Amino acid sequence: MGHCCLGDLPPAIGLAPDADAVRLIDVLLLTKKTGRIVAGYEVEHTPSICSEIVP
């Protein structure tokens, strides 16, 4: 992990009822002040997805 990555989710997210689903998201962008999720991204490595994205 990079120097800006967290080892664990902030308690407000990590202890939420749906935290297990949130942990399955590849990349989460959090606000620095509140630790709230502002964006989530899935990283796909399958050839079919990559062939659609990369010409």
C-alpha atoms as a PDB file:
ATOM      1  CA  MET A   1       0.000   0.000   0.000  1.00  0.00           C
ATOM      2  CA  GLY A   2       1.037   3.576  -0.574  1.00  0.00           C
ATOM      3  CA  HIS A   3       1.718   6.178   2.054  1.00  0.00           C
ATOM      4  CA  CYS A   4      -1.811   7.597   1.681  1.00  0.00           C
ATOM      5  CA  CYS A   5      -3.525   4.232   2.165  1.00  0.00           C
ATOM      6  CA  LEU A   6      -5.271   3.187   5.352  1.00  0.00           C
ATOM      7  CA  GLY A   7      -4.710  -0.223   6.893  1.00  0.00           C
ATOM      8  CA  ASP A   8      -8.300  -0.394   8.136  1.00  0.00           C
ATOM      9  CA  LEU A   9     -11.569   1.337   7.417  1.00  0.00           C
ATOM     10  CA  PRO A  10     -12.480   4.233   9.740  1.00  0.00           C
ATOM     11  CA  PRO A  11     -14.710   2.980  12.600  1.00  0.00           C
ATOM     12  CA  ALA A  12     -17.798   4.779  11.262  1.00  0.00           C
ATOM     13  CA  ILE A  13     -17.528   2.689   8.081  1.00  0.00           C
ATOM     14  CA  GLY A  14     -15.879  -0.462   9.425  1.00  0.00           C
ATOM     15  CA  LEU A  15     -18.522  -0.991  12.102  1.00  0.00           C
ATOM     16  CA  ALA A  16     -21.534  -0.207   9.888  1.00  0.00           C
ATOM     17  CA  PRO A  17     -24.025  -3.043   9.212  1.00  0.00           C
ATOM     18  CA  ASP A  18     -22.951  -3.310   5.555  1.00  0.00           C
ATOM     19  CA  ALA A  19     -19.203  -2.995   6.168  1.00  0.00           C
ATOM     20  CA  ASP A  20     -18.515  -6.451   4.702  1.00  0.00           C
ATOM     21  CA  ALA A  21     -19.872  -5.289   1.333  1.00  0.00           C
ATOM     22  CA  VAL A  22     -17.836  -2.070   1.491  1.00  0.00           C
ATOM     23  CA  ARG A  23     -14.658  -4.104   2.094  1.00  0.00           C
ATOM     24  CA  LEU A  24     -15.195  -5.824  -1.278  1.00  0.00           C
ATOM     25  CA  ILE A  25     -14.786  -2.531  -3.179  1.00  0.00           C
ATOM     26  CA  ASP A  26     -11.301  -2.283  -4.713  1.00  0.00           C
ATOM     27  CA  VAL A  27     -10.653   1.447  -4.204  1.00  0.00           C
ATOM     28  CA  LEU A  28     -12.390   3.852  -1.841  1.00  0.00           C
ATOM     29  CA  LEU A  29     -11.781   7.595  -1.771  1.00  0.00           C
ATOM     30  CA  LEU A  30     -12.413   9.094   1.656  1.00  0.00           C
ATOM     31  CA  THR A  31     -12.523  12.680   2.860  1.00  0.00           C
ATOM     32  CA  LYS A  32      -9.554  13.618   5.002  1.00  0.00           C
ATOM     33  CA  LYS A  33     -11.611  15.481   7.619  1.00  0.00           C
ATOM     34  CA  THR A  34     -14.544  13.119   8.160  1.00  0.00           C
ATOM     35  CA  GLY A  35     -13.408   9.811   6.667  1.00  0.00           C
ATOM     36  CA  ARG A  36     -16.651   9.554   4.680  1.00  0.00           C
ATOM     37  CA  ILE A  37     -16.669   7.703   1.373  1.00  0.00           C
ATOM     38  CA  VAL A  38     -16.867  10.074  -1.596  1.00  0.00           C
ATOM     39  CA  ALA A  39     -16.186   7.539  -4.377  1.00  0.00           C
ATOM     40  CA  GLY A  40     -15.630   3.847  -4.928  1.00  0.00           C
ATOM     41  CA  TYR A  41     -13.985   2.089  -7.864  1.00  0.00           C
ATOM     42  CA  GLU A  42     -13.768  -1.488  -9.041  1.00  0.00           C
ATOM     43  CA  VAL A  43     -10.606  -2.555 -10.842  1.00  0.00           C
ATOM     44  CA  GLU A  44     -11.276  -5.167 -13.508  1.00  0.00           C
ATOM     45  CA  HIS A  45      -8.556  -7.443 -14.826  1.00  0.00           C
ATOM     46  CA  THR A  46     -10.586  -9.724 -17.051  1.00  0.00           C
ATOM     47  CA  PRO A  47      -9.706  -9.683 -20.782  1.00  0.00           C
ATOM     48  CA  SER A  48     -13.301  -9.043 -21.854  1.00  0.00           C
ATOM     49  CA  ILE A  49     -13.535  -5.875 -19.753  1.00  0.00           C
ATOM     50  CA  CYS A  50     -10.062  -4.671 -20.737  1.00  0.00           C
ATOM     51  CA  SER A  51     -10.748  -5.214 -24.434  1.00  0.00           C
ATOM     52  CA  GLU A  52     -13.795  -2.948 -24.183  1.00  0.00           C
ATOM     53  CA  ILE A  53     -11.848  -0.183 -22.428  1.00  0.00           C
ATOM     54  CA  VAL A  54      -8.494  -0.302 -24.241  1.00  0.00           C
ATOM     55  CA  PRO A  55      -8.691  -0.038 -28.054  1.00  0.00           C
END
